[in-house]
C-alpha atoms as a PDB file:
ATOM      1  CA  MET A   1     -97.992-118.055 -66.806  1.00  0.00           C
ATOM      2  CA  ARG A   2     -98.668-117.462 -70.503  1.00  0.00           C
ATOM      3  CA  ALA A   3     -97.117-119.719 -73.141  1.00  0.00           C
ATOM      4  CA  LEU A   4     -97.163-119.813 -76.955  1.00  0.00           C
ATOM      5  CA  ILE A   5     -98.371-123.289 -77.949  1.00  0.00           C
ATOM      6  CA  VAL A   6     -98.143-125.222 -81.201  1.00  0.00           C
ATOM      7  CA  PRO A   7    -100.965-127.773 -80.816  1.00  0.00           C
ATOM      8  CA  THR A   8    -100.811-131.433 -81.700  1.00  0.00           C
ATOM      9  CA  GLY A   9    -100.965-131.870 -85.479  1.00  0.00           C
ATOM     10  CA  CYS A  10    -100.566-128.144 -86.148  1.00  0.00           C
ATOM     11  CA  SER A  11    -100.291-127.161 -89.812  1.00  0.00           C
ATOM     12  CA  GLY A  12    -100.423-123.351 -89.828  1.00  0.00           C
ATOM     13  CA  ILE A  13    -100.042-120.053 -87.993  1.00  0.00           C
ATOM     14  CA  ASP A  14    -103.772-119.641 -87.350  1.00  0.00           C
ATOM     15  CA  GLU A  15    -103.705-122.718 -85.105  1.00  0.00           C
ATOM     16  CA  LEU A  16    -101.144-121.255 -82.682  1.00  0.00           C
ATOM     17  CA  ARG A  17    -102.549-120.252 -79.334  1.00  0.00           C
ATOM     18  CA  ILE A  18    -101.485-118.439 -76.190  1.00  0.00           C
ATOM     19  CA  GLU A  19    -102.654-120.262 -73.083  1.00  0.00           C
ATOM     20  CA  GLN A  20    -102.032-120.475 -69.359  1.00  0.00           C
ATOM     21  CA  ARG A  21     -99.551-123.062 -68.102  1.00  0.00           C
ATOM     22  CA  PRO A  22     -98.409-123.861 -64.532  1.00  0.00           C
ATOM     23  CA  GLU A  23     -95.343-121.963 -63.384  1.00  0.00           C
ATOM     24  CA  PRO A  24     -92.298-124.283 -63.418  1.00  0.00           C
ATOM     25  CA  LYS A  25     -90.071-124.854 -60.388  1.00  0.00           C
ATOM     26  CA  PRO A  26     -86.290-125.328 -60.522  1.00  0.00           C
ATOM     27  CA  GLY A  27     -84.916-128.639 -59.286  1.00  0.00           C
ATOM     28  CA  PRO A  28     -81.346-129.434 -58.236  1.00  0.00           C
ATOM     29  CA  LEU A  29     -78.774-127.786 -60.553  1.00  0.00           C
ATOM     30  CA  GLN A  30     -81.589-125.975 -62.379  1.00  0.00           C
ATOM     31  CA  VAL A  31     -82.367-122.297 -62.954  1.00  0.00           C
ATOM     32  CA  LEU A  32     -85.770-120.611 -63.296  1.00  0.00           C
ATOM     33  CA  LEU A  33     -85.843-117.824 -65.902  1.00  0.00           C
ATOM     34  CA  ARG A  34     -88.254-114.966 -66.462  1.00  0.00           C
ATOM     35  CA  VAL A  35     -88.209-114.769 -70.254  1.00  0.00           C
ATOM     36  CA  ARG A  36     -88.213-111.169 -71.513  1.00  0.00           C
ATOM     37  CA  ALA A  37     -87.945-111.616 -75.283  1.00  0.00           C
ATOM     38  CA  VAL A  38     -87.866-114.297 -77.982  1.00  0.00           C
ATOM     39  CA  SER A  39     -86.988-114.232 -81.684  1.00  0.00           C
ATOM     40  CA  LEU A  40     -88.182-116.204 -84.696  1.00  0.00           C
ATOM     41  CA  ASN A  41     -86.176-118.514 -86.940  1.00  0.00           C
ATOM     42  CA  TYR A  42     -87.024-120.373 -90.137  1.00  0.00           C
ATOM     43  CA  ARG A  43     -87.135-123.651 -88.170  1.00  0.00           C
ATOM     44  CA  ASP A  44     -89.977-122.231 -86.051  1.00  0.00           C
ATOM     45  CA  GLN A  45     -92.072-121.795 -89.192  1.00  0.00           C
ATOM     46  CA  ALA A  46     -91.259-125.380 -90.180  1.00  0.00           C
ATOM     47  CA  VAL A  47     -92.394-126.608 -86.752  1.00  0.00           C
ATOM     48  CA  VAL A  48     -95.663-124.654 -87.063  1.00  0.00           C
ATOM     49  CA  THR A  49     -96.448-126.027 -90.538  1.00  0.00           C
ATOM     50  CA  GLY A  50     -95.464-129.595 -89.626  1.00  0.00           C
ATOM     51  CA  ASN A  51     -92.496-129.626 -92.002  1.00  0.00           C
ATOM     52  CA  TYR A  52     -89.699-129.857 -89.454  1.00  0.00           C
ATOM     53  CA  PHE A  53     -87.788-133.085 -88.786  1.00  0.00           C
ATOM     54  CA  GLY A  54     -90.240-135.632 -87.428  1.00  0.00           C
ATOM     55  CA  GLY A  55     -93.311-134.082 -89.036  1.00  0.00           C
ATOM     56  CA  LYS A  56     -96.249-132.450 -87.279  1.00  0.00           C
ATOM     57  CA  ALA A  57     -96.197-131.798 -83.551  1.00  0.00           C
ATOM     58  CA  SER A  58     -97.042-134.974 -81.640  1.00  0.00           C
ATOM     59  CA  ARG A  59     -98.079-133.037 -78.513  1.00  0.00           C
ATOM     60  CA  ASP A  60     -99.033-129.526 -77.457  1.00  0.00           C
ATOM     61  CA  MET A  61     -95.594-127.907 -77.318  1.00  0.00           C
ATOM     62  CA  ILE A  62     -94.173-124.514 -76.308  1.00  0.00           C
ATOM     63  CA  LEU A  63     -92.567-122.901 -79.357  1.00  0.00           C
ATOM     64  CA  LEU A  64     -89.268-121.118 -80.093  1.00  0.00           C
ATOM     65  CA  SER A  65     -85.621-121.907 -79.482  1.00  0.00           C
ATOM     66  CA  ASP A  66     -84.295-118.365 -79.065  1.00  0.00           C
ATOM     67  CA  GLY A  67     -84.876-116.157 -76.072  1.00  0.00           C
ATOM     68  CA  ALA A  68     -83.344-114.089 -73.292  1.00  0.00           C
ATOM     69  CA  GLY A  69     -84.320-113.246 -69.749  1.00  0.00           C
ATOM     70  CA  GLU A  70     -83.255-112.948 -66.147  1.00  0.00           C
ATOM     71  CA  VAL A  71     -82.764-115.489 -63.396  1.00  0.00           C
ATOM     72  CA  LEU A  72     -85.696-115.605 -60.955  1.00  0.00           C
ATOM     73  CA  ALA A  73     -84.540-118.450 -58.720  1.00  0.00           C
ATOM     74  CA  VAL A  74     -82.008-121.273 -58.571  1.00  0.00           C
ATOM     75  CA  GLY A  75     -82.236-124.850 -57.362  1.00  0.00           C
ATOM     76  CA  ASP A  76     -79.989-126.672 -54.946  1.00  0.00           C
ATOM     77  CA  GLY A  77     -76.355-126.916 -55.991  1.00  0.00           C
ATOM     78  CA  VAL A  78     -76.384-124.078 -58.539  1.00  0.00           C
ATOM     79  CA  THR A  79     -73.156-122.049 -58.406  1.00  0.00           C
ATOM     80  CA  ARG A  80     -72.938-120.467 -61.858  1.00  0.00           C
ATOM     81  CA  TRP A  81     -75.937-118.098 -61.609  1.00  0.00           C
ATOM     82  CA  ARG A  82     -77.879-116.054 -59.084  1.00  0.00           C
ATOM     83  CA  PRO A  83     -81.207-114.166 -59.182  1.00  0.00           C
ATOM     84  CA  GLY A  84     -81.047-111.076 -61.373  1.00  0.00           C
ATOM     85  CA  ASP A  85     -78.423-112.407 -63.795  1.00  0.00           C
ATOM     86  CA  ARG A  86     -79.225-111.757 -67.475  1.00  0.00           C
ATOM     87  CA  VAL A  87     -78.889-114.947 -69.515  1.00  0.00           C
ATOM     88  CA  MET A  88     -79.620-116.727 -72.790  1.00  0.00           C
ATOM     89  CA  PRO A  89     -80.201-120.453 -73.345  1.00  0.00           C
ATOM     90  CA  ILE A  90     -77.973-122.611 -75.514  1.00  0.00           C
ATOM     91  CA  PHE A  91     -79.923-124.027 -78.483  1.00  0.00           C
ATOM     92  CA  SER A  92     -79.650-127.648 -77.317  1.00  0.00           C
ATOM     93  CA  GLN A  93     -80.572-128.392 -73.702  1.00  0.00           C
ATOM     94  CA  VAL A  94     -80.647-131.336 -71.348  1.00  0.00           C
ATOM     95  CA  PRO A  95     -84.390-132.009 -70.852  1.00  0.00           C
ATOM     96  CA  PRO A  96     -85.447-130.378 -67.560  1.00  0.00           C
ATOM     97  CA  ALA A  97     -87.232-133.593 -66.515  1.00  0.00           C
ATOM     98  CA  GLY A  98     -84.105-135.651 -67.152  1.00  0.00           C
ATOM     99  CA  SER A  99     -80.865-136.193 -65.264  1.00  0.00           C
ATOM    100  CA  PRO A 100     -78.022-133.629 -65.672  1.00  0.00           C
ATOM    101  CA  GLY A 101     -76.115-136.123 -67.819  1.00  0.00           C
ATOM    102  CA  ALA A 102     -78.910-136.857 -70.302  1.00  0.00           C
ATOM    103  CA  PRO A 103     -78.349-136.118 -74.023  1.00  0.00           C
ATOM    104  CA  ALA A 104     -79.121-132.525 -75.057  1.00  0.00           C
ATOM    105  CA  LEU A 105     -81.998-131.797 -77.459  1.00  0.00           C
ATOM    106  CA  PRO A 106     -83.059-128.606 -79.306  1.00  0.00           C
ATOM    107  CA  LEU A 107     -85.470-126.155 -77.700  1.00  0.00           C
ATOM    108  CA  GLY A 108     -88.771-125.560 -79.473  1.00  0.00           C
ATOM    109  CA  SER A 109     -88.825-129.113 -80.922  1.00  0.00           C
ATOM    110  CA  PRO A 110     -88.611-131.688 -79.548  1.00  0.00           C
ATOM    111  CA  LEU A 111     -88.229-129.900 -76.176  1.00  0.00           C
ATOM    112  CA  ASP A 112     -90.603-127.190 -74.999  1.00  0.00           C
ATOM    113  CA  GLY A 113     -89.085-123.896 -76.025  1.00  0.00           C
ATOM    114  CA  MET A 114     -88.617-120.319 -74.867  1.00  0.00           C
ATOM    115  CA  GLY A 115     -92.048-119.003 -75.837  1.00  0.00           C
ATOM    116  CA  ALA A 116     -93.287-118.793 -72.258  1.00  0.00           C
ATOM    117  CA  GLU A 117     -93.050-116.265 -69.461  1.00  0.00           C
ATOM    118  CA  GLN A 118     -91.027-118.693 -67.335  1.00  0.00           C
ATOM    119  CA  VAL A 119     -88.785-121.632 -68.248  1.00  0.00           C
ATOM    120  CA  VAL A 120     -86.397-123.963 -66.407  1.00  0.00           C
ATOM    121  CA  CYS A 121     -82.932-124.964 -67.647  1.00  0.00           C
ATOM    122  CA  TYR A 122     -79.956-126.713 -66.108  1.00  0.00           C
ATOM    123  CA  GLU A 123     -77.340-124.170 -65.045  1.00  0.00           C
ATOM    124  CA  ASP A 124     -74.795-125.189 -67.701  1.00  0.00           C
ATOM    125  CA  GLY A 125     -77.389-124.654 -70.442  1.00  0.00           C
ATOM    126  CA  LEU A 126     -77.147-120.857 -70.126  1.00  0.00           C
ATOM    127  CA  VAL A 127     -74.671-118.134 -71.086  1.00  0.00           C
ATOM    128  CA  ALA A 128     -74.453-114.513 -69.948  1.00  0.00           C
ATOM    129  CA  ILE A 129     -75.860-111.692 -72.095  1.00  0.00           C
ATOM    130  CA  PRO A 130     -73.222-109.183 -73.314  1.00  0.00           C
ATOM    131  CA  GLU A 131     -73.594-106.086 -71.160  1.00  0.00           C
ATOM    132  CA  HIS A 132     -74.371-103.663 -74.005  1.00  0.00           C
ATOM    133  CA  LEU A 133     -77.309-105.682 -75.370  1.00  0.00           C
ATOM    134  CA  SER A 134     -80.988-105.389 -74.460  1.00  0.00           C
ATOM    135  CA  PHE A 135     -83.123-108.477 -73.838  1.00  0.00           C
ATOM    136  CA  GLU A 136     -84.646-108.019 -77.299  1.00  0.00           C
ATOM    137  CA  GLU A 137     -81.201-107.963 -78.927  1.00  0.00           C
ATOM    138  CA  ALA A 138     -79.918-110.872 -76.858  1.00  0.00           C
ATOM    139  CA  ALA A 139     -82.924-112.993 -77.859  1.00  0.00           C
ATOM    140  CA  CYS A 140     -81.574-112.967 -81.432  1.00  0.00           C
ATOM    141  CA  LEU A 141     -78.305-114.746 -80.631  1.00  0.00           C
ATOM    142  CA  PRO A 142     -78.796-118.408 -79.578  1.00  0.00           C
ATOM    143  CA  CYS A 143     -79.593-119.947 -82.971  1.00  0.00           C
ATOM    144  CA  ALA A 144     -78.851-117.484 -85.793  1.00  0.00           C
ATOM    145  CA  ALA A 145     -75.741-115.782 -84.422  1.00  0.00           C
ATOM    146  CA  VAL A 146     -74.140-118.988 -83.120  1.00  0.00           C
ATOM    147  CA  THR A 147     -74.819-120.638 -86.481  1.00  0.00           C
ATOM    148  CA  ALA A 148     -73.121-117.780 -88.340  1.00  0.00           C
ATOM    149  CA  TRP A 149     -70.146-117.864 -85.945  1.00  0.00           C
ATOM    150  CA  HIS A 150     -69.817-121.635 -86.402  1.00  0.00           C
ATOM    151  CA  ALA A 151     -69.731-121.282 -90.194  1.00  0.00           C
ATOM    152  CA  LEU A 152     -67.265-118.385 -90.206  1.00  0.00           C
ATOM    153  CA  MET A 153     -64.906-119.164 -87.354  1.00  0.00           C
ATOM    154  CA  CYS A 154     -65.163-122.817 -86.328  1.00  0.00           C
ATOM    155  CA  ALA A 155     -65.747-124.903 -89.458  1.00  0.00           C
ATOM    156  CA  GLY A 156     -62.491-125.330 -91.372  1.00  0.00           C
ATOM    157  CA  ARG A 157     -60.120-122.361 -91.485  1.00  0.00           C
ATOM    158  CA  PRO A 158     -61.433-119.311 -89.621  1.00  0.00           C
ATOM    159  CA  VAL A 159     -62.200-116.221 -91.679  1.00  0.00           C
ATOM    160  CA  ILE A 160     -59.272-113.775 -91.605  1.00  0.00           C
ATOM    161  CA  PRO A 161     -58.760-110.146 -92.715  1.00  0.00           C
ATOM    162  CA  GLY A 162     -58.866-109.815 -96.481  1.00  0.00           C
ATOM    163  CA  ASP A 163     -61.049-112.875 -97.081  1.00  0.00           C
ATOM    164  CA  VAL A 164     -64.125-112.619 -99.282  1.00  0.00           C
ATOM    165  CA  VAL A 165     -67.317-113.847 -97.596  1.00  0.00           C
ATOM    166  CA  LEU A 166     -70.528-114.455 -99.553  1.00  0.00           C
ATOM    167  CA  VAL A 167     -73.816-114.366 -97.641  1.00  0.00           C
ATOM    168  CA  LEU A 168     -77.070-115.466 -99.254  1.00  0.00           C
ATOM    169  CA  GLY A 169     -80.180-113.478 -98.385  1.00  0.00           C
ATOM    170  CA  SER A 170     -81.017-111.094 -95.549  1.00  0.00           C
ATOM    171  CA  GLY A 171     -82.343-113.308 -92.755  1.00  0.00           C
ATOM    172  CA  GLY A 172     -80.918-113.678 -89.290  1.00  0.00           C
ATOM    173  CA  VAL A 173     -77.996-116.009 -90.049  1.00  0.00           C
ATOM    174  CA  SER A 174     -76.931-114.064 -93.136  1.00  0.00           C
ATOM    175  CA  VAL A 175     -77.048-110.661 -91.455  1.00  0.00           C
ATOM    176  CA  PHE A 176     -75.112-111.928 -88.438  1.00  0.00           C
ATOM    177  CA  ALA A 177     -72.556-113.455 -90.807  1.00  0.00           C
ATOM    178  CA  LEU A 178     -72.211-110.079 -92.533  1.00  0.00           C
ATOM    179  CA  GLN A 179     -71.645-108.270 -89.237  1.00  0.00           C
ATOM    180  CA  LEU A 180     -69.209-110.833 -87.852  1.00  0.00           C
ATOM    181  CA  ALA A 181     -67.240-111.143 -91.101  1.00  0.00           C
ATOM    182  CA  ARG A 182     -66.859-107.368 -91.320  1.00  0.00           C
ATOM    183  CA  ALA A 183     -65.652-107.281 -87.700  1.00  0.00           C
ATOM    184  CA  ALA A 184     -63.043-109.888 -88.691  1.00  0.00           C
ATOM    185  CA  GLY A 185     -61.786-107.674 -91.532  1.00  0.00           C
ATOM    186  CA  ALA A 186     -63.370-109.609 -94.394  1.00  0.00           C
ATOM    187  CA  GLN A 187     -65.000-108.222 -97.532  1.00  0.00           C
ATOM    188  CA  VAL A 188     -68.647-109.254 -97.770  1.00  0.00           C
ATOM    189  CA  ILE A 189     -70.813-109.776-100.845  1.00  0.00           C
ATOM    190  CA  ALA A 190     -74.549-110.210-100.209  1.00  0.00           C
ATOM    191  CA  THR A 191     -77.386-111.513-102.362  1.00  0.00           C
ATOM    192  CA  SER A 192     -81.094-110.701-102.187  1.00  0.00           C
ATOM    193  CA  SER A 193     -84.173-110.577-104.391  1.00  0.00           C
ATOM    194  CA  SER A 194     -84.797-106.972-103.293  1.00  0.00           C
ATOM    195  CA  ASP A 195     -82.809-103.867-104.224  1.00  0.00           C
ATOM    196  CA  ASP A 196     -84.148-102.153-101.092  1.00  0.00           C
ATOM    197  CA  LYS A 197     -82.766-104.957 -98.924  1.00  0.00           C
ATOM    198  CA  LEU A 198     -79.441-104.794-100.753  1.00  0.00           C
ATOM    199  CA  THR A 199     -79.269-101.084 -99.957  1.00  0.00           C
ATOM    200  CA  ARG A 200     -79.741-101.900 -96.273  1.00  0.00           C
ATOM    201  CA  LEU A 201     -77.150-104.676 -96.418  1.00  0.00           C
ATOM    202  CA  THR A 202     -74.553-102.384 -97.975  1.00  0.00           C
ATOM    203  CA  ALA A 203     -75.310 -99.835 -95.254  1.00  0.00           C
ATOM    204  CA  LEU A 204     -74.447-102.594 -92.758  1.00  0.00           C
ATOM    205  CA  GLY A 205     -71.064-103.071 -94.398  1.00  0.00           C
ATOM    206  CA  ALA A 206     -71.474-105.287 -97.463  1.00  0.00           C
ATOM    207  CA  ALA A 207     -69.007-104.233-100.161  1.00  0.00           C
ATOM    208  CA  ALA A 208     -71.397-105.293-102.925  1.00  0.00           C
ATOM    209  CA  GLY A 209     -74.896-106.622-103.390  1.00  0.00           C
ATOM    210  CA  ILE A 210     -76.303-108.884-106.103  1.00  0.00           C
ATOM    211  CA  ASN A 211     -80.008-109.096-106.913  1.00  0.00           C
ATOM    212  CA  TYR A 212     -80.469-112.753-107.829  1.00  0.00           C
ATOM    213  CA  ARG A 213     -83.804-111.997-109.537  1.00  0.00           C
ATOM    214  CA  THR A 214     -82.298-109.584-112.027  1.00  0.00           C
ATOM    215  CA  THR A 215     -78.918-111.377-112.069  1.00  0.00           C
ATOM    216  CA  PRO A 216     -79.820-115.085-112.021  1.00  0.00           C
ATOM    217  CA  ASP A 217     -76.210-116.042-112.857  1.00  0.00           C
ATOM    218  CA  TRP A 218     -75.079-114.532-109.576  1.00  0.00           C
ATOM    219  CA  ASP A 219     -72.185-116.958-109.312  1.00  0.00           C
ATOM    220  CA  ALA A 220     -70.615-115.397-112.403  1.00  0.00           C
ATOM    221  CA  GLU A 221     -71.151-111.955-110.853  1.00  0.00           C
ATOM    222  CA  VAL A 222     -69.349-113.065-107.674  1.00  0.00           C
ATOM    223  CA  MET A 223     -66.384-114.142-109.774  1.00  0.00           C
ATOM    224  CA  ARG A 224     -66.432-110.842-111.685  1.00  0.00           C
ATOM    225  CA  LEU A 225     -66.604-108.745-108.516  1.00  0.00           C
ATOM    226  CA  THR A 226     -63.654-110.624-107.014  1.00  0.00           C
ATOM    227  CA  GLY A 227     -61.413-110.559-110.098  1.00  0.00           C
ATOM    228  CA  ASN A 228     -62.082-114.271-110.673  1.00  0.00           C
ATOM    229  CA  HIS A 229     -60.886-115.099-107.150  1.00  0.00           C
ATOM    230  CA  GLY A 230     -64.255-116.175-105.755  1.00  0.00           C
ATOM    231  CA  ALA A 231     -65.466-116.319-102.157  1.00  0.00           C
ATOM    232  CA  ASP A 232     -63.197-117.763 -99.481  1.00  0.00           C
ATOM    233  CA  CYS A 233     -66.236-118.534 -97.307  1.00  0.00           C
ATOM    234  CA  ILE A 234     -69.868-118.941 -98.340  1.00  0.00           C
ATOM    235  CA  VAL A 235     -72.707-118.926 -95.813  1.00  0.00           C
ATOM    236  CA  GLU A 236     -75.116-121.179 -97.695  1.00  0.00           C
ATOM    237  CA  VAL A 237     -78.693-120.957 -96.423  1.00  0.00           C
ATOM    238  CA  GLY A 238     -80.464-121.912 -99.637  1.00  0.00           C
ATOM    239  CA  GLY A 239     -79.622-125.606 -99.823  1.00  0.00           C
ATOM    240  CA  ALA A 240     -79.930-127.778-102.903  1.00  0.00           C
ATOM    241  CA  GLY A 241     -81.442-125.027-105.055  1.00  0.00           C
ATOM    242  CA  THR A 242     -78.425-122.720-104.699  1.00  0.00           C
ATOM    243  CA  LEU A 243     -75.613-125.137-103.897  1.00  0.00           C
ATOM    244  CA  ALA A 244     -74.341-125.542-107.464  1.00  0.00           C
ATOM    245  CA  ARG A 245     -73.912-121.770-107.852  1.00  0.00           C
ATOM    246  CA  SER A 246     -72.195-121.623-104.472  1.00  0.00           C
ATOM    247  CA  PHE A 247     -69.764-124.308-105.662  1.00  0.00           C
ATOM    248  CA  ARG A 248     -69.005-122.197-108.737  1.00  0.00           C
ATOM    249  CA  SER A 249     -68.627-119.031-106.615  1.00  0.00           C
ATOM    250  CA  LEU A 250     -66.018-120.586-104.328  1.00  0.00           C
ATOM    251  CA  ALA A 251     -62.365-119.595-104.271  1.00  0.00           C
ATOM    252  CA  HIS A 252     -59.693-122.275-104.563  1.00  0.00           C
ATOM    253  CA  GLY A 253     -59.312-123.823-101.123  1.00  0.00           C
ATOM    254  CA  GLY A 254     -62.427-122.028 -99.873  1.00  0.00           C
ATOM    255  CA  LYS A 255     -65.176-123.375 -97.633  1.00  0.00           C
ATOM    256  CA  ILE A 256     -68.962-123.504 -97.676  1.00  0.00           C
ATOM    257  CA  GLY A 257     -71.021-123.645 -94.492  1.00  0.00           C
ATOM    258  CA  LEU A 258     -74.222-125.503 -95.424  1.00  0.00           C
ATOM    259  CA  ILE A 259     -76.898-124.229 -93.058  1.00  0.00           C
ATOM    260  CA  GLY A 260     -80.341-123.945 -94.573  1.00  0.00           C
ATOM    261  CA  VAL A 261     -82.842-125.514 -96.932  1.00  0.00           C
ATOM    262  CA  LEU A 262     -84.758-122.384 -97.914  1.00  0.00           C
ATOM    263  CA  THR A 263     -84.918-123.389-101.586  1.00  0.00           C
ATOM    264  CA  GLY A 264     -86.262-126.881-100.845  1.00  0.00           C
ATOM    265  CA  PRO A 265     -84.771-130.350-101.348  1.00  0.00           C
ATOM    266  CA  ALA A 266     -84.467-130.352-105.152  1.00  0.00           C
ATOM    267  CA  GLY A 267     -81.526-128.993-107.114  1.00  0.00           C
ATOM    268  CA  ASP A 268     -78.112-129.625-108.645  1.00  0.00           C
ATOM    269  CA  THR A 269     -75.743-130.948-105.981  1.00  0.00           C
ATOM    270  CA  ASN A 270     -73.043-132.286-108.328  1.00  0.00           C
ATOM    271  CA  PRO A 271     -69.814-131.926-106.306  1.00  0.00           C
ATOM    272  CA  HIS A 272     -67.346-131.701-109.201  1.00  0.00           C
ATOM    273  CA  ALA A 273     -66.979-127.916-109.059  1.00  0.00           C
ATOM    274  CA  ILE A 274     -66.002-127.910-105.393  1.00  0.00           C
ATOM    275  CA  MET A 275     -63.697-130.890-105.949  1.00  0.00           C
ATOM    276  CA  LEU A 276     -61.800-129.127-108.725  1.00  0.00           C
ATOM    277  CA  LYS A 277     -61.326-126.087-106.455  1.00  0.00           C
ATOM    278  CA  GLY A 278     -60.071-128.099-103.506  1.00  0.00           C
ATOM    279  CA  GLY A 279     -62.892-126.647-101.464  1.00  0.00           C
ATOM    280  CA  THR A 280     -64.670-128.007 -98.413  1.00  0.00           C
ATOM    281  CA  LEU A 281     -68.338-128.335 -97.531  1.00  0.00           C
ATOM    282  CA  HIS A 282     -69.300-128.206 -93.842  1.00  0.00           C
ATOM    283  CA  GLY A 283     -72.684-129.120 -92.436  1.00  0.00           C
ATOM    284  CA  ILE A 284     -73.603-126.550 -89.780  1.00  0.00           C
ATOM    285  CA  PHE A 285     -76.228-127.184 -87.104  1.00  0.00           C
ATOM    286  CA  VAL A 286     -76.107-124.228 -84.698  1.00  0.00           C
ATOM    287  CA  GLY A 287     -73.263-124.800 -82.203  1.00  0.00           C
ATOM    288  CA  ASN A 288     -72.196-125.577 -78.658  1.00  0.00           C
ATOM    289  CA  ARG A 289     -71.573-123.639 -75.464  1.00  0.00           C
ATOM    290  CA  GLU A 290     -67.917-122.898 -76.269  1.00  0.00           C
ATOM    291  CA  MET A 291     -68.877-121.392 -79.635  1.00  0.00           C
ATOM    292  CA  PHE A 292     -71.590-119.282 -77.990  1.00  0.00           C
ATOM    293  CA  GLU A 293     -69.186-117.892 -75.392  1.00  0.00           C
ATOM    294  CA  ARG A 294     -66.532-117.069 -78.008  1.00  0.00           C
ATOM    295  CA  LEU A 295     -69.226-115.375 -80.105  1.00  0.00           C
ATOM    296  CA  ASN A 296     -70.275-113.285 -77.110  1.00  0.00           C
ATOM    297  CA  ARG A 297     -66.695-112.113 -76.588  1.00  0.00           C
ATOM    298  CA  ALA A 298     -66.511-111.014 -80.224  1.00  0.00           C
ATOM    299  CA  ILE A 299     -69.865-109.238 -79.947  1.00  0.00           C
ATOM    300  CA  SER A 300     -68.748-107.451 -76.774  1.00  0.00           C
ATOM    301  CA  VAL A 301     -65.334-106.364 -78.084  1.00  0.00           C
ATOM    302  CA  ASN A 302     -66.742-105.108 -81.381  1.00  0.00           C
ATOM    303  CA  ARG A 303     -69.938-103.671 -79.827  1.00  0.00           C
ATOM    304  CA  ILE A 304     -72.038-105.509 -82.399  1.00  0.00           C
ATOM    305  CA  ARG A 305     -75.798-105.063 -82.115  1.00  0.00           C
ATOM    306  CA  PRO A 306     -78.215-107.513 -83.748  1.00  0.00           C
ATOM    307  CA  VAL A 307     -80.361-106.106 -86.534  1.00  0.00           C
ATOM    308  CA  ILE A 308     -84.016-106.219 -85.460  1.00  0.00           C
ATOM    309  CA  ASP A 309     -86.649-105.460 -88.073  1.00  0.00           C
ATOM    310  CA  ARG A 310     -89.567-105.199 -85.633  1.00  0.00           C
ATOM    311  CA  VAL A 311     -90.495-105.989 -82.037  1.00  0.00           C
ATOM    312  CA  TYR A 312     -94.013-107.320 -81.308  1.00  0.00           C
ATOM    313  CA  GLU A 313     -95.813-107.743 -77.997  1.00  0.00           C
ATOM    314  CA  PHE A 314     -96.717-111.268 -76.842  1.00  0.00           C
ATOM    315  CA  ASP A 315    -100.386-110.947 -77.794  1.00  0.00           C
ATOM    316  CA  GLN A 316     -99.224-110.036 -81.331  1.00  0.00           C
ATOM    317  CA  ALA A 317     -97.407-113.356 -81.816  1.00  0.00           C
ATOM    318  CA  HIS A 318     -99.541-114.358 -84.810  1.00  0.00           C
ATOM    319  CA  ALA A 319     -98.687-111.085 -86.575  1.00  0.00           C
ATOM    320  CA  ALA A 320     -94.991-111.645 -85.849  1.00  0.00           C
ATOM    321  CA  PHE A 321     -95.144-115.098 -87.449  1.00  0.00           C
ATOM    322  CA  ARG A 322     -96.992-113.722 -90.474  1.00  0.00           C
ATOM    323  CA  GLN A 323     -94.385-111.028 -91.057  1.00  0.00           C
ATOM    324  CA  HIS A 324     -91.615-113.565 -90.692  1.00  0.00           C
ATOM    325  CA  VAL A 325     -93.134-116.064 -93.121  1.00  0.00           C
ATOM    326  CA  SER A 326     -93.680-113.265 -95.665  1.00  0.00           C
ATOM    327  CA  GLY A 327     -89.931-112.657 -95.883  1.00  0.00           C
ATOM    328  CA  ASN A 328     -90.559-108.925 -95.582  1.00  0.00           C
ATOM    329  CA  PHE A 329     -87.854-108.248 -93.005  1.00  0.00           C
ATOM    330  CA  ILE A 330     -84.112-107.792 -92.510  1.00  0.00           C
ATOM    331  CA  GLY A 331     -82.304-109.618 -89.730  1.00  0.00           C
ATOM    332  CA  LYS A 332     -84.646-110.717 -86.962  1.00  0.00           C
ATOM    333  CA  VAL A 333     -88.290-110.472 -85.870  1.00  0.00           C
ATOM    334  CA  VAL A 334     -88.689-110.325 -82.070  1.00  0.00           C
ATOM    335  CA  ILE A 335     -91.532-110.825 -79.588  1.00  0.00           C
ATOM    336  CA  ARG A 336     -91.407-109.103 -76.192  1.00  0.00           C
ATOM    337  CA  LEU A 337     -92.886-111.005 -73.234  1.00  0.00           C
END
C-alpha cells in the first residue's frame, strides 16, 4: 500500500515522500480501514518542519491525524463494526501494537497516522460518519471539528442562543466554530487579514467581520460591535500574540478556549483583564469519543457540511501541503486516497 512518510529528521515539505508499506492486518479487537480521504491541520505542518512537541521526527512516520474510510475487515472479538461501515478515527488512539488498555496517543505523531491507504485501529477508536457526509467531508472532522465543539459546548458553560462568539481567522477550527455556533443560535464575529476571506465568512453566517490588518485594535472593534458587551465565547487559535486582545474582547463571565499557537510563543499574557471580567480560560486539546459522537449528532441534525477549499489526489500531497502552509485557503484542505 502507499503511505505518506515524514522521514527521520524531516525539516520541510520537500522531504516528504510517498512510499510502499506492507498492508497491515487486524488483530483481536482491531479493525482494518481502507482510508478514502485525509485532511491537513496546522499540527501536521509543525510535524513536517520539526517544530511539533518533541522536535523533529525520530523515525520514518506516516503523517496526518485526520481521515475517513470504510471497514475492510475486523479481527476476533469485534462487535461494534463490520465490513463496509463508514468510519472516522478518534484523534488519540491506543497504539495498534499495544494492549487494548494501553494509554491513547495522537495519530500522526507520535503514532503513525492516517496518511496511508490502509490503517488498523482498535474498534473503540472509531466513530461512524454522519450519513449525509462524503469521505472527503468526514475527513475534516476528527481534529478541527471536535476541537471547535470542545471549546464551544464542553469547556465551561455551553454556548446558547443569543451568545456572541468570536472566532479568530479562517482555518479549520475557526470555520467549524462559526458553523456550530450559528447552529446553536449564537451571533458570530470573525477576524481575518483578508477582506475576501471575511466576505466568505459572512456568507457562512458571520454577523460581522474584522480585518485585523486594517483594524489592529480589533478588540476595541469587538466591543463596539457588541455595544460594549464583548464576546461570551472566544475561540482563540492565535496564542500568546493575540491573547491580550482576546482578554479585552471578553464579556463579563465569558470564556476563552485556548487552542492554537499560530502567532508564536511571545506576547502579552497578563491575566488581569480576564480576572476583572470574571472570565475563564480553558486549554483545549481536541477531545474524546463522547465529544466526537455528540458533535456528529449536531452535524447530522443541522445538516452541517464542512467547508473544503480544495481536494487533491494522493500524488499531489506536496502541493496540498504547500497550499496549506501558504494560508491561502478557507476551512480545510483535503487529500483523496
